[in-house]
Structure formats: C-alpha cells, structure tokens
Amino acid sequence: MNEYREIGSVCIALHLRRAARHVGRIYDEALRPAGINNGQFSLMAMLAAKDDWTMQELADSLGLDQSSLSAAVKPLMRRDLIVQEAAADDARVRRLRLTPAGRRLLDRARPLWRTAQRRAEELLEDHQPDAVRSALRALG
C-alpha cells in the first residue's frame, strides 16, 4: 500500500483548503453583483465594525501578513471604498477606514452575504454549524 494515500484522507490542511475554496466560491458568486469578492467584503465588514484599525491590527485580525493586506487594500482604495491615513499620534502608523461610498457598497452587499451565509450553513446543517465555527476559531 502506498504510504502517501493516507494523507489524502486524513490531512486536515488539505480538507480545510478544499472546503475553504468551495465555501469561498459560494460567497464570491453571491457577492459578484456588488462588485466585490468575499475577501474584500470581510475586510470592509471588519472596518465597518470598528472605526479605528491600524494596518497591523487588521492584518492580525484577518490572519494576513501586512504585505497581503496591503495588496488587498489597494483595489478598494482605488475605488474610493476605503482610505488609509496616518495616525494622529504617530505618522508612521497607518490607519484604515471605510469611506461613505464603501459603507454604501457594504450595505448593498450585506443581503447578498446573508444569502451566501445561509447556503454555507445549509452545507453544514448535519454537522452543527456552531460547533464548526467554534472549532475553526480555535484553529485561528
């Protein structure tokens, strides 16, 4: 028996990546009419939930490194959905916030997200969605 065959059936990383891609497609498809993807929606929702994020705080909260967050932020800044400003107390620290246009887009996208959320929860219906969320939070 091939000793690598076991990896495909038990590897947590493999199964999480596969599931993340599948679920990500559900959200991306649902959010397409708003002109954003799931990653952009999540980033904007985090900004809407708390007004005062530094780049580092937001990167940590999203599980990203700063260069990945910078790459994700640039298209949203070009569309005037978010702005980056120097902190009042330290010009080296960059803070992010939603613009009014960003908030309007997020408000328009939220019902689309809710549709995707229901679809994703239906996929987990037999596996206790709250328990899955709890387990995923414990990993991250």
C-alpha atoms as a PDB file:
ATOM      1  CA  MET A   1       0.000   0.000   0.000  1.00  0.00           C
ATOM      2  CA  ASN A   2       1.212   3.469  -0.848  1.00  0.00           C
ATOM      3  CA  GLU A   3       2.071   5.269   2.389  1.00  0.00           C
ATOM      4  CA  TYR A   4       1.027   8.613   0.879  1.00  0.00           C
ATOM      5  CA  ARG A   5      -2.542   7.508   0.220  1.00  0.00           C
ATOM      6  CA  GLU A   6      -3.374   8.115   3.874  1.00  0.00           C
ATOM      7  CA  ILE A   7      -2.502  11.805   3.544  1.00  0.00           C
ATOM      8  CA  GLY A   8      -5.382  12.449   1.147  1.00  0.00           C
ATOM      9  CA  SER A   9      -7.879  11.002   3.572  1.00  0.00           C
ATOM     10  CA  VAL A  10      -6.673  12.424   6.907  1.00  0.00           C
ATOM     11  CA  CYS A  11      -4.739  15.644   6.194  1.00  0.00           C
ATOM     12  CA  ILE A  12      -6.550  18.473   7.971  1.00  0.00           C
ATOM     13  CA  ALA A  13      -4.789  21.148   5.897  1.00  0.00           C
ATOM     14  CA  LEU A  14      -5.892  19.516   2.644  1.00  0.00           C
ATOM     15  CA  HIS A  15      -9.515  19.213   3.752  1.00  0.00           C
ATOM     16  CA  LEU A  16      -9.615  22.763   5.150  1.00  0.00           C
ATOM     17  CA  ARG A  17      -8.201  24.198   1.910  1.00  0.00           C
ATOM     18  CA  ARG A  18     -10.664  22.235  -0.204  1.00  0.00           C
ATOM     19  CA  ALA A  19     -13.581  23.305   1.981  1.00  0.00           C
ATOM     20  CA  ALA A  20     -12.378  26.926   2.037  1.00  0.00           C
ATOM     21  CA  ARG A  21     -12.208  27.048  -1.751  1.00  0.00           C
ATOM     22  CA  HIS A  22     -15.694  25.550  -2.068  1.00  0.00           C
ATOM     23  CA  VAL A  23     -17.261  27.861   0.517  1.00  0.00           C
ATOM     24  CA  GLY A  24     -15.310  30.841  -0.823  1.00  0.00           C
ATOM     25  CA  ARG A  25     -16.825  30.269  -4.270  1.00  0.00           C
ATOM     26  CA  ILE A  26     -20.318  30.368  -2.731  1.00  0.00           C
ATOM     27  CA  TYR A  27     -19.630  33.773  -1.172  1.00  0.00           C
ATOM     28  CA  ASP A  28     -17.783  35.134  -4.213  1.00  0.00           C
ATOM     29  CA  GLU A  29     -20.654  34.162  -6.506  1.00  0.00           C
ATOM     30  CA  ALA A  30     -23.237  35.717  -4.196  1.00  0.00           C
ATOM     31  CA  LEU A  31     -21.262  38.967  -3.828  1.00  0.00           C
ATOM     32  CA  ARG A  32     -20.464  39.342  -7.547  1.00  0.00           C
ATOM     33  CA  PRO A  33     -23.468  41.653  -8.212  1.00  0.00           C
ATOM     34  CA  ALA A  34     -21.981  44.097  -5.681  1.00  0.00           C
ATOM     35  CA  GLY A  35     -18.646  44.061  -7.489  1.00  0.00           C
ATOM     36  CA  ILE A  36     -16.614  42.666  -4.589  1.00  0.00           C
ATOM     37  CA  ASN A  37     -15.363  39.272  -3.523  1.00  0.00           C
ATOM     38  CA  ASN A  38     -15.577  37.545  -0.163  1.00  0.00           C
ATOM     39  CA  GLY A  39     -12.141  38.739   0.959  1.00  0.00           C
ATOM     40  CA  GLN A  40     -12.998  42.338   0.160  1.00  0.00           C
ATOM     41  CA  PHE A  41     -16.372  42.022   1.876  1.00  0.00           C
ATOM     42  CA  SER A  42     -14.741  40.588   5.016  1.00  0.00           C
ATOM     43  CA  LEU A  43     -12.130  43.333   5.097  1.00  0.00           C
ATOM     44  CA  MET A  44     -14.759  46.043   4.662  1.00  0.00           C
ATOM     45  CA  ALA A  45     -17.031  44.456   7.278  1.00  0.00           C
ATOM     46  CA  MET A  46     -14.163  44.489   9.771  1.00  0.00           C
ATOM     47  CA  LEU A  47     -13.626  48.190   9.045  1.00  0.00           C
ATOM     48  CA  ALA A  48     -17.341  48.857   9.495  1.00  0.00           C
ATOM     49  CA  ALA A  49     -17.405  47.026  12.825  1.00  0.00           C
ATOM     50  CA  LYS A  50     -14.640  49.165  14.339  1.00  0.00           C
ATOM     51  CA  ASP A  51     -13.652  52.593  13.060  1.00  0.00           C
ATOM     52  CA  ASP A  52     -10.069  52.709  14.236  1.00  0.00           C
ATOM     53  CA  TRP A  53      -7.887  49.944  12.757  1.00  0.00           C
ATOM     54  CA  THR A  54      -4.179  50.104  12.202  1.00  0.00           C
ATOM     55  CA  MET A  55      -2.871  48.111   9.275  1.00  0.00           C
ATOM     56  CA  GLN A  56      -1.198  45.695  11.708  1.00  0.00           C
ATOM     57  CA  GLU A  57      -4.327  45.207  13.822  1.00  0.00           C
ATOM     58  CA  LEU A  58      -6.456  44.494  10.780  1.00  0.00           C
ATOM     59  CA  ALA A  59      -3.860  42.159   9.273  1.00  0.00           C
ATOM     60  CA  ASP A  60      -3.693  40.221  12.550  1.00  0.00           C
ATOM     61  CA  SER A  61      -7.465  40.066  12.836  1.00  0.00           C
ATOM     62  CA  LEU A  62      -7.827  38.753   9.274  1.00  0.00           C
ATOM     63  CA  GLY A  63      -4.940  36.294   9.645  1.00  0.00           C
ATOM     64  CA  LEU A  64      -2.883  38.060   6.960  1.00  0.00           C
ATOM     65  CA  ASP A  65       0.616  39.438   6.817  1.00  0.00           C
ATOM     66  CA  GLN A  66       0.916  43.161   6.152  1.00  0.00           C
ATOM     67  CA  SER A  67       2.014  42.759   2.537  1.00  0.00           C
ATOM     68  CA  SER A  68      -1.056  40.602   1.772  1.00  0.00           C
ATOM     69  CA  LEU A  69      -3.310  43.142   3.471  1.00  0.00           C
ATOM     70  CA  SER A  70      -1.668  45.977   1.507  1.00  0.00           C
ATOM     71  CA  ALA A  71      -2.342  44.112  -1.729  1.00  0.00           C
ATOM     72  CA  ALA A  72      -5.970  43.554  -0.716  1.00  0.00           C
ATOM     73  CA  VAL A  73      -6.446  47.187   0.295  1.00  0.00           C
ATOM     74  CA  LYS A  74      -5.132  48.792  -2.906  1.00  0.00           C
ATOM     75  CA  PRO A  75      -8.056  47.944  -5.231  1.00  0.00           C
ATOM     76  CA  LEU A  76     -10.522  49.122  -2.569  1.00  0.00           C
ATOM     77  CA  MET A  77      -8.602  52.378  -2.198  1.00  0.00           C
ATOM     78  CA  ARG A  78      -8.566  52.892  -5.992  1.00  0.00           C
ATOM     79  CA  ARG A  79     -12.362  52.554  -5.925  1.00  0.00           C
ATOM     80  CA  ASP A  80     -12.582  55.068  -3.030  1.00  0.00           C
ATOM     81  CA  LEU A  81     -14.183  52.449  -0.775  1.00  0.00           C
ATOM     82  CA  ILE A  82     -11.558  52.735   1.951  1.00  0.00           C
ATOM     83  CA  VAL A  83      -8.900  55.288   2.838  1.00  0.00           C
ATOM     84  CA  GLN A  84      -5.568  54.953   4.541  1.00  0.00           C
ATOM     85  CA  GLU A  85      -4.412  57.778   6.781  1.00  0.00           C
ATOM     86  CA  ALA A  86      -1.509  58.476   9.089  1.00  0.00           C
ATOM     87  CA  ALA A  87      -2.396  58.085  12.765  1.00  0.00           C
ATOM     88  CA  ALA A  88      -2.792  61.391  14.591  1.00  0.00           C
ATOM     89  CA  ASP A  89      -0.337  60.337  17.291  1.00  0.00           C
ATOM     90  CA  ASP A  90       2.278  58.662  15.057  1.00  0.00           C
ATOM     91  CA  ALA A  91       2.669  59.414  11.342  1.00  0.00           C
ATOM     92  CA  ARG A  92       4.439  56.062  10.823  1.00  0.00           C
ATOM     93  CA  VAL A  93       1.277  54.164  11.804  1.00  0.00           C
ATOM     94  CA  ARG A  94      -1.285  53.778   9.037  1.00  0.00           C
ATOM     95  CA  ARG A  95      -4.988  53.612   9.862  1.00  0.00           C
ATOM     96  CA  LEU A  96      -7.764  52.369   7.605  1.00  0.00           C
ATOM     97  CA  ARG A  97     -11.410  53.364   7.468  1.00  0.00           C
ATOM     98  CA  LEU A  98     -14.393  52.957   5.191  1.00  0.00           C
ATOM     99  CA  THR A  99     -15.445  55.892   3.066  1.00  0.00           C
ATOM    100  CA  PRO A 100     -19.129  56.787   2.699  1.00  0.00           C
ATOM    101  CA  ALA A 101     -19.055  55.016  -0.689  1.00  0.00           C
ATOM    102  CA  GLY A 102     -17.553  51.959   1.000  1.00  0.00           C
ATOM    103  CA  ARG A 103     -20.288  51.908   3.615  1.00  0.00           C
ATOM    104  CA  ARG A 104     -22.986  52.182   0.915  1.00  0.00           C
ATOM    105  CA  LEU A 105     -21.440  49.297  -1.019  1.00  0.00           C
ATOM    106  CA  LEU A 106     -21.167  47.215   2.136  1.00  0.00           C
ATOM    107  CA  ASP A 107     -24.813  47.940   2.972  1.00  0.00           C
ATOM    108  CA  ARG A 108     -25.792  46.843  -0.554  1.00  0.00           C
ATOM    109  CA  ALA A 109     -23.653  43.701  -0.289  1.00  0.00           C
ATOM    110  CA  ARG A 110     -24.871  42.572   3.134  1.00  0.00           C
ATOM    111  CA  PRO A 111     -28.103  40.909   1.880  1.00  0.00           C
ATOM    112  CA  LEU A 112     -26.027  39.097  -0.757  1.00  0.00           C
ATOM    113  CA  TRP A 113     -23.679  37.919   2.000  1.00  0.00           C
ATOM    114  CA  ARG A 114     -26.669  36.713   4.047  1.00  0.00           C
ATOM    115  CA  THR A 115     -27.779  34.576   1.099  1.00  0.00           C
ATOM    116  CA  ALA A 116     -24.310  33.021   0.859  1.00  0.00           C
ATOM    117  CA  GLN A 117     -24.226  32.563   4.630  1.00  0.00           C
ATOM    118  CA  ARG A 118     -27.498  30.610   4.530  1.00  0.00           C
ATOM    119  CA  ARG A 119     -26.171  28.428   1.711  1.00  0.00           C
ATOM    120  CA  ALA A 120     -22.942  27.725   3.598  1.00  0.00           C
ATOM    121  CA  GLU A 121     -24.837  26.875   6.773  1.00  0.00           C
ATOM    122  CA  GLU A 122     -27.086  24.526   4.799  1.00  0.00           C
ATOM    123  CA  LEU A 123     -23.947  22.659   3.708  1.00  0.00           C
ATOM    124  CA  LEU A 124     -23.071  22.202   7.386  1.00  0.00           C
ATOM    125  CA  GLU A 125     -26.598  21.501   8.544  1.00  0.00           C
ATOM    126  CA  ASP A 126     -25.805  17.906   9.569  1.00  0.00           C
ATOM    127  CA  HIS A 127     -22.536  18.959  11.214  1.00  0.00           C
ATOM    128  CA  GLN A 128     -23.696  21.594  13.691  1.00  0.00           C
ATOM    129  CA  PRO A 129     -22.590  24.922  12.166  1.00  0.00           C
ATOM    130  CA  ASP A 130     -21.940  26.481  15.586  1.00  0.00           C
ATOM    131  CA  ALA A 131     -19.592  23.634  16.511  1.00  0.00           C
ATOM    132  CA  VAL A 132     -17.765  24.008  13.186  1.00  0.00           C
ATOM    133  CA  ARG A 133     -17.382  27.780  13.747  1.00  0.00           C
ATOM    134  CA  SER A 134     -16.079  27.128  17.238  1.00  0.00           C
ATOM    135  CA  ALA A 135     -13.549  24.593  16.005  1.00  0.00           C
ATOM    136  CA  LEU A 136     -12.366  26.937  13.244  1.00  0.00           C
ATOM    137  CA  ARG A 137     -11.974  29.823  15.704  1.00  0.00           C
ATOM    138  CA  ALA A 138      -9.871  27.568  17.908  1.00  0.00           C
ATOM    139  CA  LEU A 139      -7.539  26.945  14.963  1.00  0.00           C
ATOM    140  CA  GLY A 140      -7.097  30.607  14.105  1.00  0.00           C
END
